[in-house]
Structures are given as structure tokens and as C-alpha cells.
Amino acid sequence: MSLMCPVSFKKVNEHAVRINAALAFFSILLFFLTPWQWIILLVGGDFFIRGFLNPQYSLFAQISKKILTLLHAKPVMVDAGPKIFAAKIGFFFCCLLTAAWLFTLERTALIAGAMFMMCAALEAVFKFCVACQIYPFIYGLKKEKELQVDE
């Protein structure tokens, strides 16, 4: 199967995406290391806004924009599709972490949080989008299901 990513006609600044990922990483770290577990609600809301609404209204996106302005970083524009898909996956992880927190499922929270942090760190440090690696499988399942419905 060839590698494919969701393609949109929108572009995002890759530097901002990487800062967003770093902010998510450190927020989850705060979730685990401080009494500020409520921060997962903020992170989840931010991922919801970026994945399902308008990324322009994301707190993390606003912080990233300010940091990039201070650094005078030139934008590197990339397709927004994979990043929107990644935000939806991030929202799923936030929901899982929130449920684990509410029901005191420490092991579930640790596993989900570690996976979430690993994905965020890969994006922030290495520009490696895990969502782009997962998407072909989901796309393939979706297409297979559509073919079964048509038959």
C-alpha cells in the first residue's frame, strides 16, 4: 500500500504545527507530574477546535503564532489535511485520558499519555507525523466498507 495522507486545499505553517505538538507534550507532562490534571480539558478543547472547528481559534495556535513572530521565523507551508487528522486523533487521546482520570484508571492513563506524548514528541522534534502513517490503513478500511455497502 502506498503512503497517502489526507489532502486538503488548506495549508498550515509547519513550524506552528511543531510548536503546537511541543505545547501538547508539555501539557500532558504537566497532567502527569502536577496536581493540574484539569489541563487535559484545555488540551482536549484545543484539539477539538483544531480538528473539528477552526484552527484559527485554537489557544495553542495563537501561542505558536506569537512565538514564531518573536523568532521572526519564515513560514514553511504544508498540507493541513494530515494535521487536521492528527488533531482528531489527539482529541481522541484527550478523551481517553479524561475518562481514565475521572475513573482513576492509572494504567490506562499512563499508556494513553505515553502514546500521546510520543506522537507529539515525534512531530515536535523530528517532523514525523504519526497520523500520516496511520491514515492509509483507516482510509483503506473506509474504502473497503464503502465497497461492501455498494455490493
C-alpha atoms as a PDB file:
ATOM      1  CA  MET A   1       0.000   0.000   0.000  1.00  0.00           C
ATOM      2  CA  SER A   2       1.427   3.380  -0.917  1.00  0.00           C
ATOM      3  CA  LEU A   3       1.717   6.073   1.699  1.00  0.00           C
ATOM      4  CA  MET A   4      -1.003   8.676   1.457  1.00  0.00           C
ATOM      5  CA  CYS A   5      -2.177  11.497   3.644  1.00  0.00           C
ATOM      6  CA  PRO A   6      -5.485  13.256   3.775  1.00  0.00           C
ATOM      7  CA  VAL A   7      -5.169  16.094   1.321  1.00  0.00           C
ATOM      8  CA  SER A   8      -6.865  19.418   1.742  1.00  0.00           C
ATOM      9  CA  PHE A   9      -6.625  22.622  -0.139  1.00  0.00           C
ATOM     10  CA  LYS A  10      -5.586  24.415   3.020  1.00  0.00           C
ATOM     11  CA  LYS A  11      -2.021  24.970   4.141  1.00  0.00           C
ATOM     12  CA  VAL A  12      -0.576  25.389   7.626  1.00  0.00           C
ATOM     13  CA  ASN A  13       2.778  26.580   8.878  1.00  0.00           C
ATOM     14  CA  GLU A  14       4.836  23.522   9.786  1.00  0.00           C
ATOM     15  CA  HIS A  15       6.746  25.500  12.406  1.00  0.00           C
ATOM     16  CA  ALA A  16       3.454  26.303  14.167  1.00  0.00           C
ATOM     17  CA  VAL A  17       2.419  22.644  13.989  1.00  0.00           C
ATOM     18  CA  ARG A  18       5.670  21.613  15.646  1.00  0.00           C
ATOM     19  CA  ILE A  19       5.254  24.204  18.412  1.00  0.00           C
ATOM     20  CA  ASN A  20       1.650  23.018  18.914  1.00  0.00           C
ATOM     21  CA  ALA A  21       2.976  19.480  19.317  1.00  0.00           C
ATOM     22  CA  ALA A  22       5.562  20.666  21.865  1.00  0.00           C
ATOM     23  CA  LEU A  23       2.831  22.501  23.790  1.00  0.00           C
ATOM     24  CA  ALA A  24       0.726  19.332  23.817  1.00  0.00           C
ATOM     25  CA  PHE A  25       3.721  17.278  25.000  1.00  0.00           C
ATOM     26  CA  PHE A  26       4.458  19.624  27.903  1.00  0.00           C
ATOM     27  CA  SER A  27       0.774  19.924  28.807  1.00  0.00           C
ATOM     28  CA  ILE A  28       0.462  16.143  29.115  1.00  0.00           C
ATOM     29  CA  LEU A  29       3.650  16.132  31.155  1.00  0.00           C
ATOM     30  CA  LEU A  30       2.013  18.678  33.490  1.00  0.00           C
ATOM     31  CA  PHE A  31      -1.048  16.420  33.640  1.00  0.00           C
ATOM     32  CA  PHE A  32       1.098  13.593  34.995  1.00  0.00           C
ATOM     33  CA  LEU A  33       3.573  15.486  37.175  1.00  0.00           C
ATOM     34  CA  THR A  34       1.446  18.150  38.838  1.00  0.00           C
ATOM     35  CA  PRO A  35      -1.940  18.367  40.522  1.00  0.00           C
ATOM     36  CA  TRP A  36      -3.182  20.242  37.419  1.00  0.00           C
ATOM     37  CA  GLN A  37      -4.990  17.274  35.876  1.00  0.00           C
ATOM     38  CA  TRP A  38      -7.672  19.680  34.636  1.00  0.00           C
ATOM     39  CA  ILE A  39      -5.171  20.760  31.969  1.00  0.00           C
ATOM     40  CA  ILE A  40      -6.295  17.734  29.929  1.00  0.00           C
ATOM     41  CA  LEU A  41      -9.619  19.547  29.434  1.00  0.00           C
ATOM     42  CA  LEU A  42      -7.799  22.558  27.996  1.00  0.00           C
ATOM     43  CA  VAL A  43      -5.706  20.335  25.711  1.00  0.00           C
ATOM     44  CA  GLY A  44      -8.771  18.366  24.634  1.00  0.00           C
ATOM     45  CA  GLY A  45     -10.661  21.552  23.846  1.00  0.00           C
ATOM     46  CA  ASP A  46      -7.744  22.823  21.819  1.00  0.00           C
ATOM     47  CA  PHE A  47      -7.500  19.600  19.807  1.00  0.00           C
ATOM     48  CA  PHE A  48     -11.278  19.683  19.257  1.00  0.00           C
ATOM     49  CA  ILE A  49     -11.050  23.219  17.890  1.00  0.00           C
ATOM     50  CA  ARG A  50      -8.133  22.315  15.586  1.00  0.00           C
ATOM     51  CA  GLY A  51      -9.630  19.008  14.437  1.00  0.00           C
ATOM     52  CA  PHE A  52     -13.307  19.782  14.066  1.00  0.00           C
ATOM     53  CA  LEU A  53     -13.822  23.548  14.039  1.00  0.00           C
ATOM     54  CA  ASN A  54     -11.418  26.296  13.001  1.00  0.00           C
ATOM     55  CA  PRO A  55      -7.728  26.076  13.990  1.00  0.00           C
ATOM     56  CA  GLN A  56      -7.592  29.871  13.933  1.00  0.00           C
ATOM     57  CA  TYR A  57      -9.393  29.853  17.309  1.00  0.00           C
ATOM     58  CA  SER A  58      -7.020  27.387  18.963  1.00  0.00           C
ATOM     59  CA  LEU A  59      -5.161  28.662  22.033  1.00  0.00           C
ATOM     60  CA  PHE A  60      -2.096  26.613  21.095  1.00  0.00           C
ATOM     61  CA  ALA A  61      -2.184  28.010  17.548  1.00  0.00           C
ATOM     62  CA  GLN A  62      -2.311  31.551  18.951  1.00  0.00           C
ATOM     63  CA  ILE A  63       0.641  30.853  21.268  1.00  0.00           C
ATOM     64  CA  SER A  64       2.585  29.293  18.387  1.00  0.00           C
ATOM     65  CA  LYS A  65       1.889  32.297  16.191  1.00  0.00           C
ATOM     66  CA  LYS A  66       3.218  34.656  18.898  1.00  0.00           C
ATOM     67  CA  ILE A  67       6.364  32.545  19.376  1.00  0.00           C
ATOM     68  CA  LEU A  68       7.028  32.462  15.632  1.00  0.00           C
ATOM     69  CA  THR A  69       6.551  36.227  15.409  1.00  0.00           C
ATOM     70  CA  LEU A  70       9.067  36.756  18.219  1.00  0.00           C
ATOM     71  CA  LEU A  71      11.534  34.414  16.488  1.00  0.00           C
ATOM     72  CA  HIS A  72      10.972  36.043  13.080  1.00  0.00           C
ATOM     73  CA  ALA A  73      10.640  32.548  11.635  1.00  0.00           C
ATOM     74  CA  LYS A  74       9.753  32.307   7.971  1.00  0.00           C
ATOM     75  CA  PRO A  75       6.704  30.101   7.403  1.00  0.00           C
ATOM     76  CA  VAL A  76       7.072  26.652   5.870  1.00  0.00           C
ATOM     77  CA  MET A  77       3.666  25.792   4.478  1.00  0.00           C
ATOM     78  CA  VAL A  78       2.467  22.162   4.389  1.00  0.00           C
ATOM     79  CA  ASP A  79      -0.842  20.468   3.652  1.00  0.00           C
ATOM     80  CA  ALA A  80      -3.309  20.909   6.502  1.00  0.00           C
ATOM     81  CA  GLY A  81      -5.111  17.591   5.906  1.00  0.00           C
ATOM     82  CA  PRO A  82      -2.739  15.358   7.882  1.00  0.00           C
ATOM     83  CA  LYS A  83      -2.526  17.904  10.671  1.00  0.00           C
ATOM     84  CA  ILE A  84      -6.329  18.095  10.971  1.00  0.00           C
ATOM     85  CA  PHE A  85      -6.474  14.296  11.034  1.00  0.00           C
ATOM     86  CA  ALA A  86      -3.754  14.288  13.728  1.00  0.00           C
ATOM     87  CA  ALA A  87      -5.758  16.808  15.780  1.00  0.00           C
ATOM     88  CA  LYS A  88      -8.756  14.460  15.658  1.00  0.00           C
ATOM     89  CA  ILE A  89      -6.579  11.610  16.915  1.00  0.00           C
ATOM     90  CA  GLY A  90      -5.195  13.939  19.604  1.00  0.00           C
ATOM     91  CA  PHE A  91      -8.743  14.751  20.676  1.00  0.00           C
ATOM     92  CA  PHE A  92      -9.454  11.006  20.961  1.00  0.00           C
ATOM     93  CA  PHE A  93      -6.395  10.603  23.219  1.00  0.00           C
ATOM     94  CA  CYS A  94      -7.556  13.552  25.338  1.00  0.00           C
ATOM     95  CA  CYS A  95     -10.973  11.907  25.739  1.00  0.00           C
ATOM     96  CA  LEU A  96      -9.290   8.654  26.755  1.00  0.00           C
ATOM     97  CA  LEU A  97      -7.048  10.453  29.260  1.00  0.00           C
ATOM     98  CA  THR A  98     -10.013  12.389  30.669  1.00  0.00           C
ATOM     99  CA  ALA A  99     -12.029   9.197  31.135  1.00  0.00           C
ATOM    100  CA  ALA A 100      -9.047   7.456  32.744  1.00  0.00           C
ATOM    101  CA  TRP A 101      -8.581  10.430  35.073  1.00  0.00           C
ATOM    102  CA  LEU A 102     -12.264  10.563  36.030  1.00  0.00           C
ATOM    103  CA  PHE A 103     -12.449   6.815  36.694  1.00  0.00           C
ATOM    104  CA  THR A 104      -8.971   6.665  38.327  1.00  0.00           C
ATOM    105  CA  LEU A 105      -7.608   4.183  35.780  1.00  0.00           C
ATOM    106  CA  GLU A 106      -3.940   4.989  36.299  1.00  0.00           C
ATOM    107  CA  ARG A 107      -2.512   2.312  33.987  1.00  0.00           C
ATOM    108  CA  THR A 108      -4.834   3.316  31.133  1.00  0.00           C
ATOM    109  CA  ALA A 109      -3.897   6.949  31.636  1.00  0.00           C
ATOM    110  CA  LEU A 110      -0.184   6.138  31.630  1.00  0.00           C
ATOM    111  CA  ILE A 111      -0.391   4.070  28.442  1.00  0.00           C
ATOM    112  CA  ALA A 112      -2.566   6.598  26.591  1.00  0.00           C
ATOM    113  CA  GLY A 113      -0.481   9.508  27.855  1.00  0.00           C
ATOM    114  CA  ALA A 114       2.800   7.860  26.869  1.00  0.00           C
ATOM    115  CA  MET A 115       1.493   7.140  23.373  1.00  0.00           C
ATOM    116  CA  PHE A 116       0.157  10.675  23.057  1.00  0.00           C
ATOM    117  CA  MET A 117       3.423  12.202  24.271  1.00  0.00           C
ATOM    118  CA  MET A 118       5.455  10.008  21.925  1.00  0.00           C
ATOM    119  CA  CYS A 119       3.400  11.139  18.918  1.00  0.00           C
ATOM    120  CA  ALA A 120       3.670  14.787  19.959  1.00  0.00           C
ATOM    121  CA  ALA A 121       7.417  14.482  20.529  1.00  0.00           C
ATOM    122  CA  LEU A 122       7.962  12.842  17.134  1.00  0.00           C
ATOM    123  CA  GLU A 123       6.138  15.710  15.439  1.00  0.00           C
ATOM    124  CA  ALA A 124       7.799  18.432  17.516  1.00  0.00           C
ATOM    125  CA  VAL A 125      11.362  17.143  17.280  1.00  0.00           C
ATOM    126  CA  PHE A 126      11.591  15.149  14.044  1.00  0.00           C
ATOM    127  CA  LYS A 127       8.683  16.447  11.887  1.00  0.00           C
ATOM    128  CA  PHE A 128       7.387  12.862  11.848  1.00  0.00           C
ATOM    129  CA  CYS A 129       3.605  12.808  11.556  1.00  0.00           C
ATOM    130  CA  VAL A 130       2.284   9.556  13.010  1.00  0.00           C
ATOM    131  CA  ALA A 131      -1.169  10.395  11.624  1.00  0.00           C
ATOM    132  CA  CYS A 132       0.257  10.215   8.077  1.00  0.00           C
ATOM    133  CA  GLN A 133       1.419   6.688   8.841  1.00  0.00           C
ATOM    134  CA  ILE A 134      -1.938   5.600  10.289  1.00  0.00           C
ATOM    135  CA  TYR A 135      -4.190   7.270   7.739  1.00  0.00           C
ATOM    136  CA  PRO A 136      -3.645   4.810   4.838  1.00  0.00           C
ATOM    137  CA  PHE A 137      -4.985   1.954   6.980  1.00  0.00           C
ATOM    138  CA  ILE A 138      -8.055   3.920   8.061  1.00  0.00           C
ATOM    139  CA  TYR A 139      -8.629   5.134   4.514  1.00  0.00           C
ATOM    140  CA  GLY A 140      -8.333   1.551   3.248  1.00  0.00           C
ATOM    141  CA  LEU A 141     -10.866   0.296   5.806  1.00  0.00           C
ATOM    142  CA  LYS A 142     -13.238   3.104   4.904  1.00  0.00           C
ATOM    143  CA  LYS A 143     -12.972   2.332   1.173  1.00  0.00           C
ATOM    144  CA  GLU A 144     -13.441  -1.399   1.830  1.00  0.00           C
ATOM    145  CA  LYS A 145     -16.581  -0.700   3.847  1.00  0.00           C
ATOM    146  CA  GLU A 146     -17.953   1.569   1.104  1.00  0.00           C
ATOM    147  CA  LEU A 147     -17.378  -1.173  -1.468  1.00  0.00           C
ATOM    148  CA  GLN A 148     -19.245  -3.684   0.708  1.00  0.00           C
ATOM    149  CA  VAL A 149     -22.208  -1.313   1.056  1.00  0.00           C
ATOM    150  CA  ASP A 150     -22.335  -0.804  -2.746  1.00  0.00           C
ATOM    151  CA  GLU A 151     -22.482  -4.567  -3.427  1.00  0.00           C
END
